[in-house]
């Protein structure tokens, strides 16, 4: 009996020694990752202005004005980003990102009531509103974000979430609304329905996303991510009302401008380059 117990004890000791390295041994874990990504952005409504006076002409009866309803909406666009993630803990990492976000937009214009005919300038407001309605306008934001990333697993397919916030620089105005009119055989005029002479360039943006990192080859991973980008964009908070100055001095119709937080959903795919790995432990 004692010999049987001794043999069983020795067998258990051997099995424990064999199993211990397997439990203690872990695979390599990506520690520093650079990601190059590209993706698409969804569009949406940006702002509407129900009534805006647009100077038409000066007559013997005084200044003549037309009333327009104006608006702006974002098109679907694209984004390109470069991201670095440093996992100082197995699951938690610091995430920094620089990205270009295409925010093209489309202006809207429709008359409120009848537009007064002005044969002397070839009905320029009628032409201008028609050309402004549906006009595609360039726009972009260059953002620099920093935040945290959390991955559920450290090997194989790695689900993760991340969030970041930072400054962004706008490439063009999201308020200015103009139309073109041919006033004579040799003259084409730009009609300003809304102006933005000192358009805001600096704003802020934030993002919250979730995705998957999938192993591709040693040192490389494929990344897929859905996220929501929040960016503060300028919008008119009311109509330009200094009509006397606009009519008599040729000033631009600058409206009061505020900021609106806009949600822009996106889907991206990227390539991860793993520059450093945390070696598995062996005991």
Protein backbone atom coordinates (compact mmCIF):
# COMPACT_ATOMS: atom_id res chain seq x y z
CA UNK A 1 0.00 0.00 0.00
CA UNK A 2 2.78 2.37 0.89
CA UNK A 3 4.54 1.62 -2.41
CA UNK A 4 1.35 2.34 -4.38
CA UNK A 5 0.93 5.65 -2.62
CA UNK A 6 4.54 6.53 -3.32
CA UNK A 7 4.16 5.74 -7.03
CA UNK A 8 0.94 7.80 -7.27
CA UNK A 9 2.62 10.70 -5.50
CA UNK A 10 5.60 10.58 -7.83
CA UNK A 11 3.31 10.47 -10.88
CA UNK A 12 1.37 13.52 -9.70
CA UNK A 13 4.62 15.38 -9.07
CA UNK A 14 5.82 14.65 -12.61
CA UNK A 15 2.51 15.78 -14.12
CA UNK A 16 2.61 18.99 -12.11
CA UNK A 17 6.13 19.71 -13.34
CA UNK A 18 5.06 19.13 -16.94
CA UNK A 19 1.93 21.25 -16.63
CA UNK A 20 3.56 24.17 -14.83
CA UNK A 21 5.47 25.51 -17.87
CA UNK A 22 2.35 25.29 -20.01
CA UNK A 23 0.41 27.38 -17.49
CA UNK A 24 3.22 29.85 -16.97
CA UNK A 25 4.14 30.20 -20.61
CA UNK A 26 2.33 32.91 -22.59
CA UNK A 27 2.58 33.93 -26.20
CA UNK A 28 3.96 37.19 -27.56
CA UNK A 29 1.72 40.23 -27.07
CA UNK A 30 1.79 43.31 -29.33
CA UNK A 31 3.00 46.22 -27.24
CA UNK A 32 3.58 49.11 -29.69
CA UNK A 33 1.41 49.26 -32.82
CA UNK A 34 1.34 51.72 -35.72
CA UNK A 35 -1.80 51.71 -37.86
CA UNK A 36 -2.46 53.15 -41.31
CA UNK A 37 -6.22 53.33 -41.98
CA UNK A 38 -8.68 54.55 -44.57
CA UNK A 39 -12.44 54.65 -44.46
CA UNK A 40 -15.75 56.30 -45.28
CA UNK A 41 -17.74 58.93 -43.39
CA UNK A 42 -21.52 59.30 -43.33
CA UNK A 43 -23.23 62.60 -44.12
CA UNK A 44 -26.10 64.48 -42.49
CA UNK A 45 -27.84 67.82 -42.06
CA UNK A 46 -25.67 70.68 -40.77
CA UNK A 47 -27.89 73.77 -40.56
CA UNK A 48 -30.94 75.55 -42.01
CA UNK A 49 -31.84 79.22 -42.13
CA UNK A 50 -35.54 79.76 -42.92
CA UNK A 51 -35.32 83.41 -43.99
CA UNK A 52 -32.42 85.49 -45.30
CA UNK A 53 -32.76 88.79 -47.13
CA UNK A 54 -30.71 89.04 -50.32
CA UNK A 55 -30.16 92.46 -51.88
CA UNK A 56 -31.75 92.73 -55.31
CA UNK A 57 -31.67 96.30 -56.61
CA UNK A 58 -32.02 99.97 -55.79
CA UNK A 59 -35.07 101.67 -57.27
CA UNK A 60 -36.83 105.00 -56.95
CA UNK A 61 -39.03 103.37 -54.32
CA UNK A 62 -36.03 102.37 -52.19
CA UNK A 63 -33.94 99.23 -51.81
CA UNK A 64 -35.38 95.99 -53.15
CA UNK A 65 -34.84 92.66 -51.40
CA UNK A 66 -35.62 89.00 -52.01
CA UNK A 67 -36.06 86.40 -49.28
CA UNK A 68 -34.30 83.02 -49.47
CA UNK A 69 -34.33 79.87 -47.34
CA UNK A 70 -30.77 78.55 -47.04
CA UNK A 71 -29.19 75.39 -45.70
CA UNK A 72 -26.17 73.12 -45.68
CA UNK A 73 -25.74 69.34 -45.34
CA UNK A 74 -22.68 67.11 -45.20
CA UNK A 75 -21.94 64.59 -47.94
CA UNK A 76 -20.53 61.16 -47.28
CA UNK A 77 -16.74 61.45 -47.41
CA UNK A 78 -13.50 59.68 -46.67
CA UNK A 79 -10.88 59.67 -43.97
CA UNK A 80 -7.19 58.72 -43.77
CA UNK A 81 -5.47 58.30 -40.41
CA UNK A 82 -2.17 57.36 -38.83
CA UNK A 83 -2.46 55.93 -35.33
CA UNK A 84 0.01 54.79 -32.67
CA UNK A 85 -1.07 52.65 -29.72
CA UNK A 86 1.21 51.77 -26.80
CA UNK A 87 -0.06 49.06 -24.46
CA UNK A 88 1.78 49.67 -21.21
CA UNK A 89 -0.51 47.05 -19.67
CA UNK A 90 -1.63 43.87 -21.41
CA UNK A 91 -5.14 45.23 -22.04
CA UNK A 92 -4.88 49.02 -21.60
CA UNK A 93 -3.03 51.37 -23.92
CA UNK A 94 -2.43 54.99 -24.86
CA UNK A 95 -3.75 55.92 -28.31
CA UNK A 96 -2.69 58.93 -30.41
CA UNK A 97 -3.96 59.72 -33.90
CA UNK A 98 -3.49 62.20 -36.73
CA UNK A 99 -6.12 62.17 -39.46
CA UNK A 100 -7.57 63.90 -42.49
CA UNK A 101 -11.36 63.90 -42.62
CA UNK A 102 -13.12 64.83 -45.84
CA UNK A 103 -16.20 66.88 -44.96
CA UNK A 104 -17.60 67.96 -48.31
CA UNK A 105 -20.97 69.64 -48.12
CA UNK A 106 -23.87 70.76 -50.27
CA UNK A 107 -25.64 74.12 -50.06
CA UNK A 108 -29.39 74.58 -50.40
CA UNK A 109 -31.34 77.64 -51.56
CA UNK A 110 -35.02 78.18 -52.30
CA UNK A 111 -37.05 81.38 -52.65
CA UNK A 112 -39.48 82.36 -49.91
CA UNK A 113 -42.30 83.86 -51.91
CA UNK A 114 -41.78 85.37 -55.34
CA UNK A 115 -38.44 86.80 -56.47
CA UNK A 116 -38.91 90.28 -57.88
CA UNK A 117 -37.88 90.46 -61.57
CA UNK A 118 -34.87 92.72 -62.23
CA UNK A 119 -34.28 92.81 -66.01
CA UNK A 120 -31.48 95.38 -65.60
CA UNK A 121 -29.23 92.74 -63.95
CA UNK A 122 -30.69 89.75 -65.78
CA UNK A 123 -32.60 88.57 -62.67
CA UNK A 124 -29.36 87.72 -60.91
CA UNK A 125 -30.94 86.52 -57.63
CA UNK A 126 -33.02 83.96 -59.51
CA UNK A 127 -29.87 82.65 -61.19
CA UNK A 128 -27.79 82.78 -58.02
CA UNK A 129 -30.28 80.81 -55.95
CA UNK A 130 -30.60 78.19 -58.69
CA UNK A 131 -26.82 77.70 -58.89
CA UNK A 132 -26.40 77.66 -55.08
CA UNK A 133 -29.05 74.97 -54.63
CA UNK A 134 -27.30 71.59 -54.66
CA UNK A 135 -23.83 73.11 -55.12
CA UNK A 136 -21.06 70.79 -53.90
CA UNK A 137 -18.53 72.55 -51.70
CA UNK A 138 -15.11 71.32 -50.56
CA UNK A 139 -14.46 70.93 -46.87
CA UNK A 140 -12.12 69.08 -44.55
CA UNK A 141 -10.82 68.78 -41.01
CA UNK A 142 -7.33 67.78 -39.92
CA UNK A 143 -7.52 66.34 -36.43
CA UNK A 144 -5.04 65.33 -33.72
CA UNK A 145 -6.55 63.08 -31.04
CA UNK A 146 -5.27 61.37 -27.93
CA UNK A 147 -7.02 58.91 -25.65
CA UNK A 148 -7.18 55.35 -24.36
CA UNK A 149 -7.64 51.94 -25.97
CA UNK A 150 -8.74 48.72 -24.29
CA UNK A 151 -8.44 45.27 -25.89
CA UNK A 152 -10.39 42.32 -24.56
CA UNK A 153 -7.76 39.70 -25.49
CA UNK A 154 -4.03 39.97 -26.11
CA UNK A 155 -3.54 37.24 -28.71
CA UNK A 156 -5.33 36.04 -31.81
CA UNK A 157 -8.49 37.98 -32.72
CA UNK A 158 -8.51 41.02 -30.42
CA UNK A 159 -11.78 42.95 -29.93
CA UNK A 160 -11.13 46.47 -28.66
CA UNK A 161 -12.69 49.82 -27.86
CA UNK A 162 -11.05 53.22 -27.91
CA UNK A 163 -11.85 56.90 -27.37
CA UNK A 164 -9.97 60.12 -28.03
CA UNK A 165 -10.29 63.89 -28.11
CA UNK A 166 -8.22 66.76 -29.48
CA UNK A 167 -8.00 69.86 -31.69
CA UNK A 168 -8.92 70.01 -35.36
CA UNK A 169 -8.26 72.53 -38.14
CA UNK A 170 -10.98 73.33 -40.67
CA UNK A 171 -10.01 73.79 -44.30
CA UNK A 172 -12.91 75.99 -45.47
CA UNK A 173 -16.09 77.75 -44.39
CA UNK A 174 -19.22 75.76 -43.57
CA UNK A 175 -21.35 78.93 -43.58
CA UNK A 176 -20.57 80.95 -46.71
CA UNK A 177 -23.30 80.57 -49.33
CA UNK A 178 -22.91 82.08 -52.80
CA UNK A 179 -24.41 81.71 -56.25
CA UNK A 180 -23.32 82.70 -59.75
CA UNK A 181 -25.26 84.88 -62.16
CA UNK A 182 -24.62 86.04 -65.72
CA UNK A 183 -25.66 89.70 -65.70
CA UNK A 184 -24.54 90.55 -69.24
CA UNK A 185 -22.83 88.96 -72.21
CA UNK A 186 -19.45 89.84 -70.71
CA UNK A 187 -20.09 89.92 -66.96
CA UNK A 188 -20.60 87.16 -64.39
CA UNK A 189 -21.39 88.10 -60.81
CA UNK A 190 -20.96 86.24 -57.51
CA UNK A 191 -23.96 86.86 -55.27
CA UNK A 192 -23.29 86.51 -51.54
CA UNK A 193 -26.37 85.26 -49.71
CA UNK A 194 -24.32 84.54 -46.59
CA UNK A 195 -20.72 85.54 -45.99
CA UNK A 196 -18.10 84.28 -43.56
CA UNK A 197 -15.18 86.66 -44.02
CA UNK A 198 -13.28 85.44 -40.96
CA UNK A 199 -14.27 81.80 -40.93
CA UNK A 200 -13.23 79.79 -37.92
CA UNK A 201 -10.26 77.50 -38.49
CA UNK A 202 -9.65 75.93 -35.06
CA UNK A 203 -12.20 73.63 -33.47
CA UNK A 204 -12.23 70.34 -31.53
CA UNK A 205 -13.27 66.79 -32.21
CA UNK A 206 -13.70 63.52 -30.34
CA UNK A 207 -14.32 59.91 -31.27
CA UNK A 208 -15.60 56.68 -29.73
CA UNK A 209 -15.07 53.41 -31.59
CA UNK A 210 -15.02 49.63 -31.41
CA UNK A 211 -13.35 47.11 -33.68
CA UNK A 212 -11.30 43.98 -34.22
CA UNK A 213 -7.58 43.34 -34.73
CA UNK A 214 -6.93 40.14 -36.69
CA UNK A 215 -3.50 38.48 -37.11
CA UNK A 216 -2.23 38.63 -40.69
CA UNK A 217 1.45 37.64 -40.56
CA UNK A 218 4.28 37.94 -38.03
CA UNK A 219 4.46 41.63 -37.20
CA UNK A 220 1.23 42.57 -39.03
CA UNK A 221 -2.48 42.71 -38.25
CA UNK A 222 -5.66 43.75 -40.07
CA UNK A 223 -7.93 46.18 -38.25
CA UNK A 224 -11.65 46.88 -38.81
CA UNK A 225 -13.43 49.58 -36.85
CA UNK A 226 -16.78 51.34 -36.51
CA UNK A 227 -16.73 54.64 -34.71
CA UNK A 228 -18.63 57.88 -34.19
CA UNK A 229 -16.73 61.11 -34.73
CA UNK A 230 -18.03 64.23 -32.98
CA UNK A 231 -16.85 67.57 -34.37
CA UNK A 232 -17.89 71.14 -33.58
CA UNK A 233 -18.66 72.95 -36.84
CA UNK A 234 -19.68 76.61 -37.43
CA UNK A 235 -23.29 77.42 -38.28
CA UNK A 236 -25.34 80.62 -38.60
CA UNK A 237 -27.50 81.19 -35.53
CA UNK A 238 -29.58 83.84 -37.29
CA UNK A 239 -29.83 85.82 -40.50
CA UNK A 240 -27.54 88.69 -41.53
CA UNK A 241 -29.61 91.75 -40.59
CA UNK A 242 -27.47 94.83 -41.34
CA UNK A 243 -29.30 95.36 -44.62
CA UNK A 244 -28.66 99.09 -44.89
CA UNK A 245 -24.88 98.64 -44.86
CA UNK A 246 -25.11 95.77 -47.32
CA UNK A 247 -27.21 97.82 -49.77
CA UNK A 248 -25.43 101.16 -49.50
CA UNK A 249 -21.82 100.16 -48.93
CA UNK A 250 -21.63 96.79 -50.66
CA UNK A 251 -20.76 95.03 -47.37
CA UNK A 252 -20.98 91.26 -47.08
CA UNK A 253 -23.97 89.69 -45.28
CA UNK A 254 -22.20 88.25 -42.22
CA UNK A 255 -24.63 86.39 -39.93
CA UNK A 256 -24.08 85.67 -36.22
CA UNK A 257 -22.18 82.38 -36.04
CA UNK A 258 -22.18 79.70 -33.37
CA UNK A 259 -20.92 76.12 -33.14
CA UNK A 260 -22.85 72.88 -33.49
CA UNK A 261 -21.65 69.45 -32.39
CA UNK A 262 -22.12 67.12 -35.37
CA UNK A 263 -22.03 63.33 -35.25
CA UNK A 264 -20.25 61.69 -38.21
CA UNK A 265 -20.33 57.86 -38.16
CA UNK A 266 -17.48 56.08 -39.96
CA UNK A 267 -16.15 52.67 -40.94
CA UNK A 268 -12.41 52.12 -41.45
CA UNK A 269 -10.01 49.34 -42.35
CA UNK A 270 -6.32 49.49 -41.59
CA UNK A 271 -3.00 47.72 -41.47
CA UNK A 272 -1.26 47.33 -38.11
CA UNK A 273 2.53 47.22 -38.00
CA UNK A 274 3.71 45.73 -34.70
CA UNK A 275 7.05 47.34 -33.90
CA UNK A 276 7.58 45.84 -30.44
CA UNK A 277 6.33 42.70 -28.78
CA UNK A 278 6.23 41.65 -25.17
CA UNK A 279 7.86 38.25 -24.97
CA UNK A 280 6.02 35.38 -23.31
CA UNK A 281 7.32 34.26 -19.93
CA UNK A 282 8.92 30.89 -19.49
CA UNK A 283 9.62 29.42 -16.06
